[in-house]
C-alpha atoms as a PDB file:
ATOM      1  CA  MET A   1       0.474  -2.699  28.429  1.00  0.00           C
ATOM      2  CA  GLU A   2       2.658  -5.814  28.896  1.00  0.00           C
ATOM      3  CA  THR A   3       2.629  -8.971  27.131  1.00  0.00           C
ATOM      4  CA  LYS A   4       5.045 -12.015  26.467  1.00  0.00           C
ATOM      5  CA  LEU A   5       6.699 -13.617  23.470  1.00  0.00           C
ATOM      6  CA  ILE A   6       5.169 -16.823  22.446  1.00  0.00           C
ATOM      7  CA  LYS A   7       7.274 -19.745  20.956  1.00  0.00           C
ATOM      8  CA  ILE A   8       5.930 -20.623  17.451  1.00  0.00           C
ATOM      9  CA  GLY A   9       8.061 -23.354  15.896  1.00  0.00           C
ATOM     10  CA  ASN A  10      11.571 -21.937  15.492  1.00  0.00           C
ATOM     11  CA  SER A  11      10.405 -18.279  15.822  1.00  0.00           C
ATOM     12  CA  PHE A  12       8.443 -16.215  18.353  1.00  0.00           C
ATOM     13  CA  GLY A  13       5.214 -14.261  18.226  1.00  0.00           C
ATOM     14  CA  VAL A  14       3.501 -11.686  20.110  1.00  0.00           C
ATOM     15  CA  ARG A  15      -0.361 -11.640  21.125  1.00  0.00           C
ATOM     16  CA  LEU A  16      -1.911  -8.305  20.564  1.00  0.00           C
ATOM     17  CA  PRO A  17      -5.111  -7.545  22.288  1.00  0.00           C
ATOM     18  CA  LYS A  18      -8.290  -7.172  20.194  1.00  0.00           C
ATOM     19  CA  SER A  19      -8.812  -3.625  21.451  1.00  0.00           C
ATOM     20  CA  LEU A  20      -5.353  -2.613  19.967  1.00  0.00           C
ATOM     21  CA  ILE A  21      -6.101  -4.537  16.688  1.00  0.00           C
ATOM     22  CA  GLN A  22      -9.484  -2.712  16.421  1.00  0.00           C
ATOM     23  CA  GLN A  23      -8.005   0.736  17.366  1.00  0.00           C
ATOM     24  CA  TYR A  24      -5.258   0.623  14.837  1.00  0.00           C
ATOM     25  CA  ASP A  25      -7.356  -1.104  12.198  1.00  0.00           C
ATOM     26  CA  LEU A  26      -4.855  -3.992  11.763  1.00  0.00           C
ATOM     27  CA  SER A  27      -5.550  -7.028   9.647  1.00  0.00           C
ATOM     28  CA  THR A  28      -3.569 -10.114   8.806  1.00  0.00           C
ATOM     29  CA  ASP A  29      -1.381  -8.204   6.592  1.00  0.00           C
ATOM     30  CA  ILE A  30       0.891  -5.777   8.597  1.00  0.00           C
ATOM     31  CA  GLU A  31       4.288  -4.100   8.254  1.00  0.00           C
ATOM     32  CA  ILE A  32       6.969  -4.319  11.068  1.00  0.00           C
ATOM     33  CA  ASP A  33       9.555  -1.524  11.117  1.00  0.00           C
ATOM     34  CA  PRO A  34      12.503  -1.449  13.414  1.00  0.00           C
ATOM     35  CA  THR A  35      12.842   1.970  14.930  1.00  0.00           C
ATOM     36  CA  GLU A  36      15.391   3.639  17.362  1.00  0.00           C
ATOM     37  CA  ASN A  37      13.150   2.921  20.330  1.00  0.00           C
ATOM     38  CA  GLY A  38      11.732  -0.532  19.385  1.00  0.00           C
ATOM     39  CA  ILE A  39       9.418  -2.062  16.843  1.00  0.00           C
ATOM     40  CA  LEU A  40       6.627  -0.263  14.901  1.00  0.00           C
ATOM     41  CA  ILE A  41       3.708  -2.552  13.826  1.00  0.00           C
ATOM     42  CA  LYS A  42       1.322  -0.988  11.486  1.00  0.00           C
ATOM     43  CA  SER A  43      -1.303  -1.921   8.776  1.00  0.00           C
ATOM     44  CA  LYS A  44       0.223  -2.742   5.435  1.00  0.00           C
ATOM     45  CA  LYS A  45      -0.432  -0.134   2.809  1.00  0.00           C
ATOM     46  CA  LYS A  46      -2.455  -1.470  -0.023  1.00  0.00           C
ATOM     47  CA  ALA A  47      -0.789  -1.172  -3.567  1.00  0.00           C
ATOM     48  CA  ARG A  48      -1.779   2.204  -5.151  1.00  0.00           C
ATOM     49  CA  ALA A  49      -3.318   3.319  -1.963  1.00  0.00           C
ATOM     50  CA  GLY A  50      -3.909   7.169  -2.257  1.00  0.00           C
ATOM     51  CA  TRP A  51      -3.484   7.240  -6.146  1.00  0.00           C
ATOM     52  CA  GLU A  52      -6.919   8.634  -6.744  1.00  0.00           C
ATOM     53  CA  GLU A  53      -6.520  11.562  -4.277  1.00  0.00           C
ATOM     54  CA  GLN A  54      -3.219  12.316  -5.770  1.00  0.00           C
ATOM     55  CA  LEU A  55      -4.608  12.338  -9.176  1.00  0.00           C
ATOM     56  CA  ALA A  56      -7.290  14.672  -8.099  1.00  0.00           C
ATOM     57  CA  VAL A  57      -4.733  17.056  -6.610  1.00  0.00           C
ATOM     58  CA  ALA A  58      -2.580  17.056  -9.897  1.00  0.00           C
ATOM     59  CA  ILE A  59      -5.650  17.824 -11.916  1.00  0.00           C
ATOM     60  CA  GLN A  60      -6.598  20.647  -9.569  1.00  0.00           C
ATOM     61  CA  ASN A  61      -3.136  21.936 -10.049  1.00  0.00           C
ATOM     62  CA  GLY A  62      -3.345  21.965 -13.789  1.00  0.00           C
ATOM     63  CA  HIS A  63      -1.512  18.730 -14.592  1.00  0.00           C
ATOM     64  CA  LEU A  64      -3.116  16.661 -17.308  1.00  0.00           C
ATOM     65  CA  PRO A  65      -1.707  13.276 -16.435  1.00  0.00           C
ATOM     66  CA  ASP A  66      -3.087  11.413 -19.445  1.00  0.00           C
ATOM     67  CA  ASP A  67      -1.651  13.780 -21.903  1.00  0.00           C
ATOM     68  CA  GLU A  68       1.742  13.690 -20.127  1.00  0.00           C
ATOM     69  CA  LEU A  69       1.897   9.934 -19.715  1.00  0.00           C
ATOM     70  CA  LEU A  70       0.845   9.198 -23.262  1.00  0.00           C
ATOM     71  CA  GLU A  71       3.172  11.810 -24.966  1.00  0.00           C
ATOM     72  CA  GLY A  72       5.012  10.084 -27.833  1.00  0.00           C
ATOM     73  CA  PHE A  73       2.845   7.185 -27.851  1.00  0.00           C
ATOM     74  CA  ASN A  74       0.306   6.349 -30.587  1.00  0.00           C
ATOM     75  CA  ASP A  75      -2.461   3.997 -31.394  1.00  0.00           C
ATOM     76  CA  GLU A  76      -0.881   2.792 -34.602  1.00  0.00           C
ATOM     77  CA  ILE A  77      -1.469  -0.826 -33.614  1.00  0.00           C
ATOM     78  CA  LEU A  78      -5.167  -0.216 -33.221  1.00  0.00           C
ATOM     79  CA  ASP A  79      -5.407   1.453 -36.564  1.00  0.00           C
ATOM     80  CA  LYS A  80      -4.449  -1.973 -38.268  1.00  0.00           C
ATOM     81  CA  GLU A  81      -6.772  -4.610 -38.742  1.00  0.00           C
ATOM     82  CA  TRP A  82      -5.994  -7.776 -36.700  1.00  0.00           C
ATOM     83  CA  GLU A  83      -5.026 -10.847 -38.543  1.00  0.00           C
ATOM     84  CA  TRP A  84      -5.350 -14.300 -36.912  1.00  0.00           C
END
């Protein structure tokens, strides 16, 4: 597949065919990574993507993330009555 660079202000852009955008599930937020052989364009990862799956695997492996993350913390502030 061939295409041309398009002048956009002081920069250049590339038009991607709709079929490629659909095939690779691209949206307006993308990542561009330089590689040894050219430029890789891919969908931008959403923040915290895959965290639920990783948590499920950790639990299956016997880890208790809540206990580990909260170790050393207490709810002392919640035990006191708020004053305004």
